[in-house]
């Protein structure tokens, strides 16, 4: 059974930084895309950043929501099946539950399936 386990959330003052981590465990063929989403109270879940495994020429491909460009950085460790989100210059609008996402093929012949972590709370407040 595939599991995504997140860590690194917490409380931080405006302007501060946090680093989220998410590691996949279980038996599967490969992970194609990993991402971070967030959901603030009363709002829909939204994409924060996404990283897709690239080839040897281009490397991994990253996508960011406009409101985090220049502040957040997503990275992954293929050997550890993990994804990270470095969050800098945090503000109150970044307060939300952050969810890890992974698009995983359990076996090579099956379609990619979406897996989610349990979420980790990030609170930015003075």
PDB file of N, CA and C in Angstrom:
ATOM      1  N   UNK A   1       0.846  -1.193   0.000  1.00  0.00           N
ATOM      2  CA  UNK A   1       0.000   0.000   0.000  1.00  0.00           C
ATOM      3  C   UNK A   1       0.881   1.242   0.000  1.00  0.00           C
ATOM      4  N   UNK A   2       0.529   2.204  -0.858  1.00  0.00           N
ATOM      5  CA  UNK A   2       1.319   3.422  -0.978  1.00  0.00           C
ATOM      6  C   UNK A   2       0.879   4.431   0.071  1.00  0.00           C
ATOM      7  N   UNK A   3       1.842   5.058   0.714  1.00  0.00           N
ATOM      8  CA  UNK A   3       1.547   6.114   1.679  1.00  0.00           C
ATOM      9  C   UNK A   3       2.452   7.307   1.425  1.00  0.00           C
ATOM     10  N   UNK A   4       1.891   8.489   1.635  1.00  0.00           N
ATOM     11  CA  UNK A   4       2.669   9.727   1.598  1.00  0.00           C
ATOM     12  C   UNK A   4       2.644  10.318   2.999  1.00  0.00           C
ATOM     13  N   UNK A   5       3.806  10.551   3.543  1.00  0.00           N
ATOM     14  CA  UNK A   5       3.898  11.079   4.904  1.00  0.00           C
ATOM     15  C   UNK A   5       4.586  12.435   4.858  1.00  0.00           C
ATOM     16  N   UNK A   6       3.862  13.441   5.348  1.00  0.00           N
ATOM     17  CA  UNK A   6       4.370  14.810   5.337  1.00  0.00           C
ATOM     18  C   UNK A   6       4.923  15.197   6.698  1.00  0.00           C
ATOM     19  N   UNK A   7       5.788  16.186   6.700  1.00  0.00           N
ATOM     20  CA  UNK A   7       6.306  16.750   7.934  1.00  0.00           C
ATOM     21  C   UNK A   7       6.807  18.154   7.649  1.00  0.00           C
ATOM     22  N   UNK A   8       7.008  18.931   8.713  1.00  0.00           N
ATOM     23  CA  UNK A   8       7.613  20.244   8.561  1.00  0.00           C
ATOM     24  C   UNK A   8       6.682  21.414   8.740  1.00  0.00           C
ATOM     25  N   UNK A   9       5.399  21.182   8.884  1.00  0.00           N
ATOM     26  CA  UNK A   9       4.503  22.296   9.096  1.00  0.00           C
ATOM     27  C   UNK A   9       4.675  22.879  10.487  1.00  0.00           C
ATOM     28  N   UNK A  10       3.979  23.975  10.731  1.00  0.00           N
ATOM     29  CA  UNK A  10       4.073  24.590  12.046  1.00  0.00           C
ATOM     30  C   UNK A  10       3.652  26.031  12.026  1.00  0.00           C
ATOM     31  N   UNK A  11       4.071  26.741  13.071  1.00  0.00           N
ATOM     32  CA  UNK A  11       3.731  28.145  13.258  1.00  0.00           C
ATOM     33  C   UNK A  11       4.970  28.987  12.966  1.00  0.00           C
ATOM     34  N   UNK A  12       4.771  30.069  12.223  1.00  0.00           N
ATOM     35  CA  UNK A  12       5.897  30.944  11.896  1.00  0.00           C
ATOM     36  C   UNK A  12       5.394  32.373  11.791  1.00  0.00           C
ATOM     37  N   UNK A  13       6.254  33.316  12.097  1.00  0.00           N
ATOM     38  CA  UNK A  13       5.892  34.720  11.986  1.00  0.00           C
ATOM     39  C   UNK A  13       6.021  35.205  10.545  1.00  0.00           C
ATOM     40  N   UNK A  14       5.305  36.257  10.190  1.00  0.00           N
ATOM     41  CA  UNK A  14       5.426  36.801   8.829  1.00  0.00           C
ATOM     42  C   UNK A  14       6.876  37.101   8.485  1.00  0.00           C
ATOM     43  N   UNK A  15       7.247  36.739   7.264  1.00  0.00           N
ATOM     44  CA  UNK A  15       8.626  36.907   6.826  1.00  0.00           C
ATOM     45  C   UNK A  15       9.506  35.713   7.098  1.00  0.00           C
ATOM     46  N   UNK A  16       8.999  34.757   7.859  1.00  0.00           N
ATOM     47  CA  UNK A  16       9.776  33.580   8.214  1.00  0.00           C
ATOM     48  C   UNK A  16       9.769  32.514   7.136  1.00  0.00           C
ATOM     49  N   UNK A  17      10.403  31.392   7.458  1.00  0.00           N
ATOM     50  CA  UNK A  17      10.545  30.294   6.502  1.00  0.00           C
ATOM     51  C   UNK A  17      10.177  28.965   7.143  1.00  0.00           C
ATOM     52  N   UNK A  18       9.728  28.055   6.312  1.00  0.00           N
ATOM     53  CA  UNK A  18       9.479  26.676   6.706  1.00  0.00           C
ATOM     54  C   UNK A  18       9.858  25.771   5.546  1.00  0.00           C
ATOM     55  N   UNK A  19      10.195  24.533   5.860  1.00  0.00           N
ATOM     56  CA  UNK A  19      10.486  23.549   4.822  1.00  0.00           C
ATOM     57  C   UNK A  19       9.619  22.324   5.071  1.00  0.00           C
ATOM     58  N   UNK A  20       8.780  22.021   4.085  1.00  0.00           N
ATOM     59  CA  UNK A  20       7.923  20.843   4.150  1.00  0.00           C
ATOM     60  C   UNK A  20       8.603  19.670   3.454  1.00  0.00           C
ATOM     61  N   UNK A  21       8.366  18.494   4.000  1.00  0.00           N
ATOM     62  CA  UNK A  21       8.898  17.270   3.410  1.00  0.00           C
ATOM     63  C   UNK A  21       7.782  16.262   3.241  1.00  0.00           C
ATOM     64  N   UNK A  22       7.909  15.435   2.227  1.00  0.00           N
ATOM     65  CA  UNK A  22       6.923  14.379   1.979  1.00  0.00           C
ATOM     66  C   UNK A  22       7.666  13.189   1.399  1.00  0.00           C
ATOM     67  N   UNK A  23       7.477  12.041   1.999  1.00  0.00           N
ATOM     68  CA  UNK A  23       8.138  10.832   1.528  1.00  0.00           C
ATOM     69  C   UNK A  23       7.106   9.764   1.200  1.00  0.00           C
ATOM     70  N   UNK A  24       7.302   9.113   0.075  1.00  0.00           N
ATOM     71  CA  UNK A  24       6.422   8.029  -0.347  1.00  0.00           C
ATOM     72  C   UNK A  24       6.993   6.691   0.096  1.00  0.00           C
ATOM     73  N   UNK A  25       6.110   5.825   0.553  1.00  0.00           N
ATOM     74  CA  UNK A  25       6.534   4.488   0.944  1.00  0.00           C
ATOM     75  C   UNK A  25       5.567   3.467   0.387  1.00  0.00           C
ATOM     76  N   UNK A  26       6.020   2.218   0.315  1.00  0.00           N
ATOM     77  CA  UNK A  26       5.176   1.154  -0.216  1.00  0.00           C
ATOM     78  C   UNK A  26       5.791   0.563  -1.467  1.00  0.00           C
ATOM     79  N   UNK A  27       5.060  -0.313  -2.098  1.00  0.00           N
ATOM     80  CA  UNK A  27       5.536  -0.979  -3.305  1.00  0.00           C
ATOM     81  C   UNK A  27       4.891  -0.365  -4.531  1.00  0.00           C
ATOM     82  N   UNK A  28       5.697   0.173  -5.428  1.00  0.00           N
ATOM     83  CA  UNK A  28       5.177   0.757  -6.651  1.00  0.00           C
ATOM     84  C   UNK A  28       6.271   0.785  -7.704  1.00  0.00           C
ATOM     85  N   UNK A  29       5.834   0.994  -8.945  1.00  0.00           N
ATOM     86  CA  UNK A  29       6.768   0.980 -10.060  1.00  0.00           C
ATOM     87  C   UNK A  29       7.567   2.277 -10.137  1.00  0.00           C
ATOM     88  N   UNK A  30       6.852   3.417 -10.177  1.00  0.00           N
ATOM     89  CA  UNK A  30       7.559   4.690 -10.287  1.00  0.00           C
ATOM     90  C   UNK A  30       6.650   5.854  -9.928  1.00  0.00           C
ATOM     91  N   UNK A  31       7.241   6.974  -9.584  1.00  0.00           N
ATOM     92  CA  UNK A  31       6.522   8.232  -9.340  1.00  0.00           C
ATOM     93  C   UNK A  31       6.845   9.177 -10.477  1.00  0.00           C
ATOM     94  N   UNK A  32       5.816   9.724 -11.107  1.00  0.00           N
ATOM     95  CA  UNK A  32       6.050  10.663 -12.198  1.00  0.00           C
ATOM     96  C   UNK A  32       6.043  12.105 -11.717  1.00  0.00           C
ATOM     97  N   UNK A  33       4.980  12.502 -11.071  1.00  0.00           N
ATOM     98  CA  UNK A  33       4.818  13.881 -10.641  1.00  0.00           C
ATOM     99  C   UNK A  33       4.601  13.926  -9.143  1.00  0.00           C
ATOM    100  N   UNK A  34       5.246  14.903  -8.505  1.00  0.00           N
ATOM    101  CA  UNK A  34       4.972  15.174  -7.099  1.00  0.00           C
ATOM    102  C   UNK A  34       4.650  16.652  -6.983  1.00  0.00           C
ATOM    103  N   UNK A  35       3.799  16.969  -6.045  1.00  0.00           N
ATOM    104  CA  UNK A  35       3.347  18.353  -5.947  1.00  0.00           C
ATOM    105  C   UNK A  35       2.915  18.667  -4.527  1.00  0.00           C
ATOM    106  N   UNK A  36       2.765  19.954  -4.284  1.00  0.00           N
ATOM    107  CA  UNK A  36       2.184  20.462  -3.041  1.00  0.00           C
ATOM    108  C   UNK A  36       0.946  21.274  -3.397  1.00  0.00           C
ATOM    109  N   UNK A  37      -0.144  20.983  -2.701  1.00  0.00           N
ATOM    110  CA  UNK A  37      -1.375  21.746  -2.782  1.00  0.00           C
ATOM    111  C   UNK A  37      -1.623  22.334  -1.402  1.00  0.00           C
ATOM    112  N   UNK A  38      -2.514  23.308  -1.352  1.00  0.00           N
ATOM    113  CA  UNK A  38      -2.907  23.846  -0.055  1.00  0.00           C
ATOM    114  C   UNK A  38      -4.381  24.192  -0.062  1.00  0.00           C
ATOM    115  N   UNK A  39      -4.945  24.183   1.134  1.00  0.00           N
ATOM    116  CA  UNK A  39      -6.355  24.522   1.299  1.00  0.00           C
ATOM    117  C   UNK A  39      -6.509  25.382   2.531  1.00  0.00           C
ATOM    118  N   UNK A  40      -6.936  26.609   2.316  1.00  0.00           N
ATOM    119  CA  UNK A  40      -7.200  27.529   3.412  1.00  0.00           C
ATOM    120  C   UNK A  40      -8.657  27.380   3.839  1.00  0.00           C
ATOM    121  N   UNK A  41      -9.005  27.783   5.049  1.00  0.00           N
ATOM    122  CA  UNK A  41     -10.385  27.668   5.517  1.00  0.00           C
ATOM    123  C   UNK A  41     -11.357  28.369   4.571  1.00  0.00           C
ATOM    124  N   UNK A  42     -12.381  27.659   4.179  1.00  0.00           N
ATOM    125  CA  UNK A  42     -13.401  28.230   3.315  1.00  0.00           C
ATOM    126  C   UNK A  42     -13.026  28.331   1.857  1.00  0.00           C
ATOM    127  N   UNK A  43     -11.866  27.813   1.498  1.00  0.00           N
ATOM    128  CA  UNK A  43     -11.410  27.899   0.106  1.00  0.00           C
ATOM    129  C   UNK A  43     -11.174  26.511  -0.466  1.00  0.00           C
ATOM    130  N   UNK A  44     -11.104  26.443  -1.792  1.00  0.00           N
ATOM    131  CA  UNK A  44     -10.826  25.178  -2.454  1.00  0.00           C
ATOM    132  C   UNK A  44      -9.335  24.856  -2.395  1.00  0.00           C
ATOM    133  N   UNK A  45      -9.044  23.597  -2.526  1.00  0.00           N
ATOM    134  CA  UNK A  45      -7.651  23.171  -2.585  1.00  0.00           C
ATOM    135  C   UNK A  45      -7.042  23.687  -3.887  1.00  0.00           C
ATOM    136  N   UNK A  46      -5.814  24.216  -3.790  1.00  0.00           N
ATOM    137  CA  UNK A  46      -5.177  24.803  -4.958  1.00  0.00           C
ATOM    138  C   UNK A  46      -3.734  24.339  -5.071  1.00  0.00           C
ATOM    139  N   UNK A  47      -3.264  24.296  -6.296  1.00  0.00           N
ATOM    140  CA  UNK A  47      -1.886  23.887  -6.548  1.00  0.00           C
ATOM    141  C   UNK A  47      -0.920  24.981  -6.108  1.00  0.00           C
ATOM    142  N   UNK A  48       0.100  24.577  -5.387  1.00  0.00           N
ATOM    143  CA  UNK A  48       1.155  25.498  -4.980  1.00  0.00           C
ATOM    144  C   UNK A  48       2.365  25.342  -5.902  1.00  0.00           C
ATOM    145  N   UNK A  49       2.838  24.112  -6.039  1.00  0.00           N
ATOM    146  CA  UNK A  49       4.013  23.847  -6.872  1.00  0.00           C
ATOM    147  C   UNK A  49       4.013  22.384  -7.272  1.00  0.00           C
ATOM    148  N   UNK A  50       4.590  22.119  -8.433  1.00  0.00           N
ATOM    149  CA  UNK A  50       4.596  20.769  -8.980  1.00  0.00           C
ATOM    150  C   UNK A  50       5.963  20.497  -9.597  1.00  0.00           C
ATOM    151  N   UNK A  51       6.417  19.258  -9.478  1.00  0.00           N
ATOM    152  CA  UNK A  51       7.682  18.869 -10.083  1.00  0.00           C
ATOM    153  C   UNK A  51       7.489  17.529 -10.769  1.00  0.00           C
ATOM    154  N   UNK A  52       7.882  17.481 -12.034  1.00  0.00           N
ATOM    155  CA  UNK A  52       7.728  16.285 -12.846  1.00  0.00           C
ATOM    156  C   UNK A  52       9.096  15.779 -13.272  1.00  0.00           C
ATOM    157  N   UNK A  53       9.255  14.486 -13.171  1.00  0.00           N
ATOM    158  CA  UNK A  53      10.536  13.895 -13.511  1.00  0.00           C
ATOM    159  C   UNK A  53      10.855  14.163 -14.970  1.00  0.00           C
ATOM    160  N   UNK A  54      12.026  14.727 -15.216  1.00  0.00           N
ATOM    161  CA  UNK A  54      12.432  15.019 -16.576  1.00  0.00           C
ATOM    162  C   UNK A  54      13.438  14.005 -17.077  1.00  0.00           C
ATOM    163  N   UNK A  55      14.029  14.310 -18.209  1.00  0.00           N
ATOM    164  CA  UNK A  55      15.040  13.408 -18.737  1.00  0.00           C
ATOM    165  C   UNK A  55      16.436  13.943 -18.425  1.00  0.00           C
ATOM    166  N   UNK A  56      17.447  13.245 -18.895  1.00  0.00           N
ATOM    167  CA  UNK A  56      18.813  13.632 -18.575  1.00  0.00           C
ATOM    168  C   UNK A  56      19.182  14.980 -19.181  1.00  0.00           C
ATOM    169  N   UNK A  57      18.485  15.354 -20.271  1.00  0.00           N
ATOM    170  CA  UNK A  57      18.805  16.614 -20.947  1.00  0.00           C
ATOM    171  C   UNK A  57      18.191  17.811 -20.238  1.00  0.00           C
ATOM    172  N   UNK A  58      16.912  17.698 -19.914  1.00  0.00           N
ATOM    173  CA  UNK A  58      16.195  18.858 -19.378  1.00  0.00           C
ATOM    174  C   UNK A  58      16.150  18.879 -17.860  1.00  0.00           C
ATOM    175  N   UNK A  59      16.290  17.745 -17.225  1.00  0.00           N
ATOM    176  CA  UNK A  59      16.128  17.719 -15.785  1.00  0.00           C
ATOM    177  C   UNK A  59      14.665  17.782 -15.396  1.00  0.00           C
ATOM    178  N   UNK A  60      14.388  17.889 -14.123  1.00  0.00           N
ATOM    179  CA  UNK A  60      13.014  17.942 -13.645  1.00  0.00           C
ATOM    180  C   UNK A  60      12.332  19.240 -14.072  1.00  0.00           C
ATOM    181  N   UNK A  61      11.027  19.151 -14.313  1.00  0.00           N
ATOM    182  CA  UNK A  61      10.244  20.315 -14.723  1.00  0.00           C
ATOM    183  C   UNK A  61       9.436  20.798 -13.531  1.00  0.00           C
ATOM    184  N   UNK A  62       9.457  22.104 -13.281  1.00  0.00           N
ATOM    185  CA  UNK A  62       8.735  22.655 -12.135  1.00  0.00           C
ATOM    186  C   UNK A  62       7.697  23.683 -12.585  1.00  0.00           C
ATOM    187  N   UNK A  63       6.625  23.741 -11.838  1.00  0.00           N
ATOM    188  CA  UNK A  63       5.557  24.710 -12.058  1.00  0.00           C
ATOM    189  C   UNK A  63       5.173  25.320 -10.727  1.00  0.00           C
ATOM    190  N   UNK A  64       4.930  26.626 -10.704  1.00  0.00           N
ATOM    191  CA  UNK A  64       4.567  27.321  -9.474  1.00  0.00           C
ATOM    192  C   UNK A  64       3.316  28.161  -9.693  1.00  0.00           C
ATOM    193  N   UNK A  65       2.502  28.247  -8.654  1.00  0.00           N
ATOM    194  CA  UNK A  65       1.420  29.213  -8.659  1.00  0.00           C
ATOM    195  C   UNK A  65       2.031  30.611  -8.625  1.00  0.00           C
ATOM    196  N   UNK A  66       1.366  31.552  -9.264  1.00  0.00           N
ATOM    197  CA  UNK A  66       1.929  32.905  -9.359  1.00  0.00           C
ATOM    198  C   UNK A  66       2.219  33.515  -7.990  1.00  0.00           C
ATOM    199  N   UNK A  67       1.365  33.217  -7.020  1.00  0.00           N
ATOM    200  CA  UNK A  67       1.497  33.874  -5.722  1.00  0.00           C
ATOM    201  C   UNK A  67       2.660  33.331  -4.885  1.00  0.00           C
ATOM    202  N   UNK A  68       3.370  32.297  -5.354  1.00  0.00           N
ATOM    203  CA  UNK A  68       4.514  31.793  -4.609  1.00  0.00           C
ATOM    204  C   UNK A  68       5.816  31.905  -5.396  1.00  0.00           C
ATOM    205  N   UNK A  69       5.732  32.342  -6.633  1.00  0.00           N
ATOM    206  CA  UNK A  69       6.951  32.454  -7.443  1.00  0.00           C
ATOM    207  C   UNK A  69       7.940  33.409  -6.779  1.00  0.00           C
ATOM    208  N   UNK A  70       9.169  32.960  -6.710  1.00  0.00           N
ATOM    209  CA  UNK A  70      10.213  33.759  -6.086  1.00  0.00           C
ATOM    210  C   UNK A  70      10.303  33.593  -4.581  1.00  0.00           C
ATOM    211  N   UNK A  71       9.303  32.942  -3.983  1.00  0.00           N
ATOM    212  CA  UNK A  71       9.311  32.736  -2.531  1.00  0.00           C
ATOM    213  C   UNK A  71       9.451  31.265  -2.168  1.00  0.00           C
ATOM    214  N   UNK A  72       8.808  30.401  -2.922  1.00  0.00           N
ATOM    215  CA  UNK A  72       8.810  28.965  -2.639  1.00  0.00           C
ATOM    216  C   UNK A  72       9.663  28.229  -3.677  1.00  0.00           C
ATOM    217  N   UNK A  73      10.231  27.113  -3.260  1.00  0.00           N
ATOM    218  CA  UNK A  73      11.001  26.279  -4.182  1.00  0.00           C
ATOM    219  C   UNK A  73      10.693  24.812  -3.906  1.00  0.00           C
ATOM    220  N   UNK A  74      10.330  24.104  -4.962  1.00  0.00           N
ATOM    221  CA  UNK A  74      10.041  22.680  -4.839  1.00  0.00           C
ATOM    222  C   UNK A  74      11.222  21.880  -5.370  1.00  0.00           C
ATOM    223  N   UNK A  75      11.516  20.775  -4.726  1.00  0.00           N
ATOM    224  CA  UNK A  75      12.594  19.900  -5.161  1.00  0.00           C
ATOM    225  C   UNK A  75      12.229  18.467  -4.799  1.00  0.00           C
ATOM    226  N   UNK A  76      12.925  17.518  -5.406  1.00  0.00           N
ATOM    227  CA  UNK A  76      12.640  16.124  -5.102  1.00  0.00           C
ATOM    228  C   UNK A  76      13.937  15.334  -5.019  1.00  0.00           C
ATOM    229  N   UNK A  77      13.858  14.262  -4.271  1.00  0.00           N
ATOM    230  CA  UNK A  77      14.973  13.327  -4.146  1.00  0.00           C
ATOM    231  C   UNK A  77      14.471  11.985  -4.643  1.00  0.00           C
ATOM    232  N   UNK A  78      14.891  11.629  -5.848  1.00  0.00           N
ATOM    233  CA  UNK A  78      14.396  10.398  -6.450  1.00  0.00           C
ATOM    234  C   UNK A  78      14.767   9.161  -5.670  1.00  0.00           C
ATOM    235  N   UNK A  79      15.961   9.165  -5.105  1.00  0.00           N
ATOM    236  CA  UNK A  79      16.411   7.996  -4.355  1.00  0.00           C
ATOM    237  C   UNK A  79      15.564   7.780  -3.108  1.00  0.00           C
ATOM    238  N   UNK A  80      15.127   8.872  -2.489  1.00  0.00           N
ATOM    239  CA  UNK A  80      14.324   8.782  -1.264  1.00  0.00           C
ATOM    240  C   UNK A  80      12.834   8.824  -1.545  1.00  0.00           C
ATOM    241  N   UNK A  81      12.458   8.960  -2.837  1.00  0.00           N
ATOM    242  CA  UNK A  81      11.041   9.071  -3.200  1.00  0.00           C
ATOM    243  C   UNK A  81      10.396  10.191  -2.387  1.00  0.00           C
ATOM    244  N   UNK A  82      11.067  11.325  -2.351  1.00  0.00           N
ATOM    245  CA  UNK A  82      10.604  12.413  -1.504  1.00  0.00           C
ATOM    246  C   UNK A  82      10.517  13.722  -2.287  1.00  0.00           C
ATOM    247  N   UNK A  83       9.659  14.603  -1.793  1.00  0.00           N
ATOM    248  CA  UNK A  83       9.530  15.941  -2.360  1.00  0.00           C
ATOM    249  C   UNK A  83       9.579  16.938  -1.216  1.00  0.00           C
ATOM    250  N   UNK A  84      10.141  18.098  -1.507  1.00  0.00           N
ATOM    251  CA  UNK A  84      10.313  19.125  -0.490  1.00  0.00           C
ATOM    252  C   UNK A  84       9.750  20.448  -1.001  1.00  0.00           C
ATOM    253  N   UNK A  85       9.332  21.284  -0.062  1.00  0.00           N
ATOM    254  CA  UNK A  85       8.874  22.620  -0.402  1.00  0.00           C
ATOM    255  C   UNK A  85       9.526  23.597   0.566  1.00  0.00           C
ATOM    256  N   UNK A  86      10.466  24.378   0.053  1.00  0.00           N
ATOM    257  CA  UNK A  86      11.087  25.427   0.851  1.00  0.00           C
ATOM    258  C   UNK A  86      10.247  26.683   0.698  1.00  0.00           C
ATOM    259  N   UNK A  87       9.737  27.179   1.803  1.00  0.00           N
ATOM    260  CA  UNK A  87       8.855  28.337   1.787  1.00  0.00           C
ATOM    261  C   UNK A  87       9.533  29.494   2.513  1.00  0.00           C
ATOM    262  N   UNK A  88       9.773  30.575   1.797  1.00  0.00           N
ATOM    263  CA  UNK A  88      10.403  31.759   2.362  1.00  0.00           C
ATOM    264  C   UNK A  88       9.450  32.945   2.271  1.00  0.00           C
ATOM    265  N   UNK A  89       9.762  33.985   3.023  1.00  0.00           N
ATOM    266  CA  UNK A  89       8.956  35.210   3.015  1.00  0.00           C
ATOM    267  C   UNK A  89       7.475  34.906   3.187  1.00  0.00           C
ATOM    268  N   UNK A  90       7.180  34.086   4.150  1.00  0.00           N
ATOM    269  CA  UNK A  90       5.794  33.689   4.387  1.00  0.00           C
ATOM    270  C   UNK A  90       4.966  34.855   4.889  1.00  0.00           C
ATOM    271  N   UNK A  91       3.694  34.869   4.490  1.00  0.00           N
ATOM    272  CA  UNK A  91       2.761  35.871   4.977  1.00  0.00           C
ATOM    273  C   UNK A  91       1.472  35.199   5.415  1.00  0.00           C
ATOM    274  N   UNK A  92       0.580  35.965   5.993  1.00  0.00           N
ATOM    275  CA  UNK A  92      -0.640  35.399   6.572  1.00  0.00           C
ATOM    276  C   UNK A  92      -1.483  34.671   5.523  1.00  0.00           C
ATOM    277  N   UNK A  93      -1.419  35.124   4.278  1.00  0.00           N
ATOM    278  CA  UNK A  93      -2.206  34.481   3.218  1.00  0.00           C
ATOM    279  C   UNK A  93      -1.706  33.078   2.884  1.00  0.00           C
ATOM    280  N   UNK A  94      -0.526  32.733   3.365  1.00  0.00           N
ATOM    281  CA  UNK A  94       0.002  31.386   3.143  1.00  0.00           C
ATOM    282  C   UNK A  94      -0.507  30.395   4.175  1.00  0.00           C
ATOM    283  N   UNK A  95      -1.247  30.869   5.159  1.00  0.00           N
ATOM    284  CA  UNK A  95      -1.807  29.977   6.176  1.00  0.00           C
ATOM    285  C   UNK A  95      -2.797  29.013   5.538  1.00  0.00           C
ATOM    286  N   UNK A  96      -2.554  27.729   5.725  1.00  0.00           N
ATOM    287  CA  UNK A  96      -3.398  26.706   5.105  1.00  0.00           C
ATOM    288  C   UNK A  96      -2.912  25.335   5.546  1.00  0.00           C
ATOM    289  N   UNK A  97      -3.687  24.325   5.187  1.00  0.00           N
ATOM    290  CA  UNK A  97      -3.212  22.951   5.293  1.00  0.00           C
ATOM    291  C   UNK A  97      -2.533  22.619   3.964  1.00  0.00           C
ATOM    292  N   UNK A  98      -1.330  22.144   4.028  1.00  0.00           N
ATOM    293  CA  UNK A  98      -0.562  21.813   2.835  1.00  0.00           C
ATOM    294  C   UNK A  98      -0.572  20.293   2.638  1.00  0.00           C
ATOM    295  N   UNK A  99      -0.931  19.898   1.419  1.00  0.00           N
ATOM    296  CA  UNK A  99      -1.060  18.482   1.092  1.00  0.00           C
ATOM    297  C   UNK A  99      -0.017  18.078   0.055  1.00  0.00           C
ATOM    298  N   UNK A 100       0.577  16.946   0.278  1.00  0.00           N
ATOM    299  CA  UNK A 100       1.499  16.362  -0.680  1.00  0.00           C
ATOM    300  C   UNK A 100       0.714  15.503  -1.671  1.00  0.00           C
ATOM    301  N   UNK A 101       1.081  15.590  -2.926  1.00  0.00           N
ATOM    302  CA  UNK A 101       0.464  14.800  -3.992  1.00  0.00           C
ATOM    303  C   UNK A 101       1.543  14.035  -4.759  1.00  0.00           C
ATOM    304  N   UNK A 102       1.193  12.829  -5.181  1.00  0.00           N
ATOM    305  CA  UNK A 102       2.102  12.072  -6.039  1.00  0.00           C
ATOM    306  C   UNK A 102       1.297  11.307  -7.082  1.00  0.00           C
ATOM    307  N   UNK A 103       1.751  11.379  -8.313  1.00  0.00           N
ATOM    308  CA  UNK A 103       1.183  10.571  -9.387  1.00  0.00           C
ATOM    309  C   UNK A 103       2.044   9.331  -9.538  1.00  0.00           C
ATOM    310  N   UNK A 104       1.465   8.181  -9.222  1.00  0.00           N
ATOM    311  CA  UNK A 104       2.263   6.964  -9.081  1.00  0.00           C
ATOM    312  C   UNK A 104       1.717   5.851  -9.957  1.00  0.00           C
ATOM    313  N   UNK A 105       2.606   5.141 -10.592  1.00  0.00           N
ATOM    314  CA  UNK A 105       2.266   3.895 -11.276  1.00  0.00           C
ATOM    315  C   UNK A 105       2.616   2.750 -10.336  1.00  0.00           C
ATOM    316  N   UNK A 106       1.612   1.980  -9.959  1.00  0.00           N
ATOM    317  CA  UNK A 106       1.862   0.840  -9.092  1.00  0.00           C
ATOM    318  C   UNK A 106       2.632  -0.230  -9.857  1.00  0.00           C
ATOM    319  N   UNK A 107       2.186  -0.497 -11.058  1.00  0.00           N
ATOM    320  CA  UNK A 107       2.896  -1.376 -11.978  1.00  0.00           C
ATOM    321  C   UNK A 107       2.972  -0.673 -13.330  1.00  0.00           C
ATOM    322  N   UNK A 108       3.919  -1.056 -14.142  1.00  0.00           N
ATOM    323  CA  UNK A 108       4.175  -0.346 -15.389  1.00  0.00           C
ATOM    324  C   UNK A 108       2.994  -0.354 -16.347  1.00  0.00           C
ATOM    325  N   UNK A 109       2.181  -1.376 -16.277  1.00  0.00           N
ATOM    326  CA  UNK A 109       1.091  -1.512 -17.251  1.00  0.00           C
ATOM    327  C   UNK A 109      -0.196  -0.826 -16.828  1.00  0.00           C
ATOM    328  N   UNK A 110      -0.251  -0.283 -15.625  1.00  0.00           N
ATOM    329  CA  UNK A 110      -1.471   0.382 -15.148  1.00  0.00           C
ATOM    330  C   UNK A 110      -1.334   1.894 -15.253  1.00  0.00           C
ATOM    331  N   UNK A 111      -2.483   2.588 -15.336  1.00  0.00           N
ATOM    332  CA  UNK A 111      -2.425   4.061 -15.402  1.00  0.00           C
ATOM    333  C   UNK A 111      -1.870   4.660 -14.112  1.00  0.00           C
ATOM    334  N   UNK A 112      -1.394   5.884 -14.248  1.00  0.00           N
ATOM    335  CA  UNK A 112      -0.926   6.615 -13.078  1.00  0.00           C
ATOM    336  C   UNK A 112      -2.108   6.975 -12.185  1.00  0.00           C
ATOM    337  N   UNK A 113      -1.930   6.796 -10.877  1.00  0.00           N
ATOM    338  CA  UNK A 113      -2.988   7.125  -9.923  1.00  0.00           C
ATOM    339  C   UNK A 113      -2.517   8.248  -9.015  1.00  0.00           C
ATOM    340  N   UNK A 114      -3.497   8.978  -8.517  1.00  0.00           N
ATOM    341  CA  UNK A 114      -3.203  10.081  -7.602  1.00  0.00           C
ATOM    342  C   UNK A 114      -3.219   9.598  -6.161  1.00  0.00           C
ATOM    343  N   UNK A 115      -2.199  10.007  -5.417  1.00  0.00           N
ATOM    344  CA  UNK A 115      -2.119   9.708  -3.993  1.00  0.00           C
ATOM    345  C   UNK A 115      -1.902  11.017  -3.236  1.00  0.00           C
ATOM    346  N   UNK A 116      -2.495  11.083  -2.042  1.00  0.00           N
ATOM    347  CA  UNK A 116      -2.422  12.293  -1.228  1.00  0.00           C
ATOM    348  C   UNK A 116      -1.898  11.980   0.157  1.00  0.00           C
ATOM    349  N   UNK A 117      -1.179  12.947   0.704  1.00  0.00           N
ATOM    350  CA  UNK A 117      -0.801  12.857   2.099  1.00  0.00           C
ATOM    351  C   UNK A 117      -1.940  13.325   2.987  1.00  0.00           C
ATOM    352  N   UNK A 118      -1.720  13.248   4.290  1.00  0.00           N
ATOM    353  CA  UNK A 118      -2.774  13.578   5.245  1.00  0.00           C
ATOM    354  C   UNK A 118      -2.873  15.077   5.496  1.00  0.00           C
ATOM    355  N   UNK A 119      -1.882  15.825   5.046  1.00  0.00           N
ATOM    356  CA  UNK A 119      -1.892  17.271   5.232  1.00  0.00           C
ATOM    357  C   UNK A 119      -1.099  17.700   6.444  1.00  0.00           C
ATOM    358  N   UNK A 120      -0.497  18.874   6.334  1.00  0.00           N
ATOM    359  CA  UNK A 120       0.245  19.449   7.455  1.00  0.00           C
ATOM    360  C   UNK A 120      -0.102  20.936   7.552  1.00  0.00           C
ATOM    361  N   UNK A 121      -0.393  21.377   8.750  1.00  0.00           N
ATOM    362  CA  UNK A 121      -0.854  22.754   8.962  1.00  0.00           C
ATOM    363  C   UNK A 121       0.323  23.722   8.947  1.00  0.00           C
ATOM    364  N   UNK A 122       0.156  24.795   8.200  1.00  0.00           N
ATOM    365  CA  UNK A 122       1.105  25.912   8.216  1.00  0.00           C
ATOM    366  C   UNK A 122       0.339  27.149   8.647  1.00  0.00           C
ATOM    367  N   UNK A 123       0.787  27.779   9.714  1.00  0.00           N
ATOM    368  CA  UNK A 123       0.136  28.979  10.230  1.00  0.00           C
ATOM    369  C   UNK A 123       1.156  30.108  10.279  1.00  0.00           C
ATOM    370  N   UNK A 124       0.814  31.207   9.622  1.00  0.00           N
ATOM    371  CA  UNK A 124       1.689  32.382   9.595  1.00  0.00           C
ATOM    372  C   UNK A 124       0.964  33.504  10.317  1.00  0.00           C
ATOM    373  N   UNK A 125       1.531  33.929  11.429  1.00  0.00           N
ATOM    374  CA  UNK A 125       0.861  34.932  12.236  1.00  0.00           C
ATOM    375  C   UNK A 125       1.866  35.620  13.148  1.00  0.00           C
ATOM    376  N   UNK A 126       1.585  36.871  13.456  1.00  0.00           N
ATOM    377  CA  UNK A 126       2.435  37.604  14.392  1.00  0.00           C
ATOM    378  C   UNK A 126       1.874  37.492  15.807  1.00  0.00           C
TER     379      UNK A 126
END
